[in-house]
C-alpha cells in the first residue's frame, strides 16, 4: 500500500528524449509567435502518467492576440519536427477557465 501512495504522489521522471523534443518545440513556437510568448507543457508527461507515445501538449499565451494563421503556422512547424511524438497546441486565451486553471496548476514553463 505504501508503494501505491508513493507512485501517485511522485511523478515519473520524464525521459531526456521527450524533454529535448518539448524544448525544441518551445524554441519553434517562440520563433513563430515571438520571444515573449509564454509556453507551458501540460497533461500526461509533466503529470507523470504518460505512455511511451503520449503527445506533447503545449499551451501558449502571447502578450499580443494570437492570429489564427500564426497559430496554424506554428502547428505546421511543430508537425514538421523530426520526431515520432505528436503535439497538441492550445491558445490559453481561447481556453475555458477550468482547463486554464488545470494548465496553470500542472504545467511546466518552457
Protein backbone atom coordinates (compact mmCIF):
# COMPACT_ATOMS: atom_id res chain seq x y z
CA UNK A 1 0.00 0.00 0.00
CA UNK A 2 2.84 2.42 0.79
CA UNK A 3 4.28 1.87 -2.70
CA UNK A 4 0.97 2.83 -4.34
CA UNK A 5 0.87 6.11 -2.42
CA UNK A 6 4.46 6.89 -3.39
CA UNK A 7 3.76 6.21 -7.07
CA UNK A 8 0.77 8.53 -7.02
CA UNK A 9 2.47 11.37 -5.20
CA UNK A 10 5.80 11.41 -7.07
CA UNK A 11 5.54 11.88 -10.84
CA UNK A 12 7.60 9.60 -13.03
CA UNK A 13 10.71 11.28 -14.41
CA UNK A 14 10.34 12.48 -17.99
CA UNK A 15 12.81 10.77 -20.33
CA UNK A 16 15.55 13.03 -21.70
CA UNK A 17 14.46 12.50 -25.32
CA UNK A 18 10.94 13.73 -24.52
CA UNK A 19 12.24 16.76 -22.60
CA UNK A 20 14.53 17.51 -25.53
CA UNK A 21 11.65 17.40 -28.05
CA UNK A 22 9.50 19.63 -25.80
CA UNK A 23 12.35 22.15 -25.56
CA UNK A 24 12.83 22.07 -29.32
CA UNK A 25 9.09 22.66 -29.77
CA UNK A 26 9.23 25.67 -27.41
CA UNK A 27 12.05 27.17 -29.48
CA UNK A 28 9.99 26.69 -32.67
CA UNK A 29 6.97 28.33 -31.05
CA UNK A 30 8.98 31.33 -29.91
CA UNK A 31 10.37 31.79 -33.43
CA UNK A 32 6.85 31.64 -34.84
CA UNK A 33 4.92 33.53 -32.16
CA UNK A 34 7.51 35.83 -30.61
CA UNK A 35 10.17 35.52 -27.91
CA UNK A 36 7.80 36.89 -25.28
CA UNK A 37 5.33 34.02 -25.75
CA UNK A 38 4.64 32.05 -22.58
CA UNK A 39 4.74 28.30 -23.17
CA UNK A 40 3.52 25.71 -20.69
CA UNK A 41 3.96 21.96 -21.15
CA UNK A 42 0.97 20.24 -19.59
CA UNK A 43 -1.00 16.99 -19.40
CA UNK A 44 0.38 13.48 -19.13
CA UNK A 45 4.17 13.99 -19.39
CA UNK A 46 4.54 16.64 -16.68
CA UNK A 47 1.81 14.98 -14.61
CA UNK A 48 3.76 11.71 -14.68
CA UNK A 49 1.20 9.39 -16.25
CA UNK A 50 2.31 9.45 -19.90
CA UNK A 51 2.55 6.36 -22.05
CA UNK A 52 5.57 5.88 -24.33
CA UNK A 53 3.91 7.63 -27.29
CA UNK A 54 1.74 10.20 -25.49
CA UNK A 55 1.52 13.53 -27.26
CA UNK A 56 3.36 16.60 -26.09
CA UNK A 57 0.69 19.08 -25.03
CA UNK A 58 1.71 22.74 -25.09
CA UNK A 59 -0.29 25.81 -24.14
CA UNK A 60 0.80 29.20 -25.39
CA UNK A 61 -0.04 32.77 -24.44
CA UNK A 62 1.30 35.84 -26.16
CA UNK A 63 1.08 39.44 -24.93
CA UNK A 64 -0.44 40.23 -28.33
CA UNK A 65 -3.52 38.35 -29.51
CA UNK A 66 -2.50 35.30 -31.48
CA UNK A 67 -3.57 35.47 -35.07
CA UNK A 68 -5.24 32.19 -36.13
CA UNK A 69 -2.94 31.95 -39.15
CA UNK A 70 0.14 32.37 -36.92
CA UNK A 71 -1.11 29.60 -34.64
CA UNK A 72 -1.81 27.42 -37.66
CA UNK A 73 1.70 28.07 -38.97
CA UNK A 74 3.14 27.20 -35.56
CA UNK A 75 1.23 23.90 -35.59
CA UNK A 76 2.65 23.12 -39.03
CA UNK A 77 6.21 23.82 -37.83
CA UNK A 78 5.71 21.55 -34.84
CA UNK A 79 4.42 18.73 -37.04
CA UNK A 80 7.47 19.19 -39.32
CA UNK A 81 9.86 18.40 -36.45
CA UNK A 82 11.69 15.12 -36.98
CA UNK A 83 10.17 13.15 -34.14
CA UNK A 84 7.69 10.36 -33.63
CA UNK A 85 5.87 12.41 -30.99
CA UNK A 86 2.75 14.32 -31.91
CA UNK A 87 1.84 17.70 -30.48
CA UNK A 88 -1.27 19.31 -29.09
CA UNK A 89 -1.20 23.11 -29.08
CA UNK A 90 -3.67 25.29 -27.19
CA UNK A 91 -4.06 29.06 -27.17
CA UNK A 92 -4.51 29.92 -23.49
CA UNK A 93 -6.64 32.94 -24.43
CA UNK A 94 -9.10 30.63 -26.19
CA UNK A 95 -9.33 28.03 -23.41
CA UNK A 96 -12.07 27.75 -20.78
CA UNK A 97 -11.41 28.85 -17.21
CA UNK A 98 -11.44 25.35 -15.72
CA UNK A 99 -8.99 23.98 -18.29
CA UNK A 100 -6.81 27.08 -17.96
CA UNK A 101 -6.65 26.63 -14.17
CA UNK A 102 -5.58 23.00 -14.68
CA UNK A 103 -2.87 24.04 -17.16
CA UNK A 104 -1.58 26.70 -14.74
CA UNK A 105 -1.58 24.21 -11.86
CA UNK A 106 0.05 21.26 -13.65
CA UNK A 107 2.03 22.97 -16.41
CA UNK A 108 5.78 23.25 -16.67
CA UNK A 109 7.14 26.52 -18.04
CA UNK A 110 9.36 26.03 -21.09
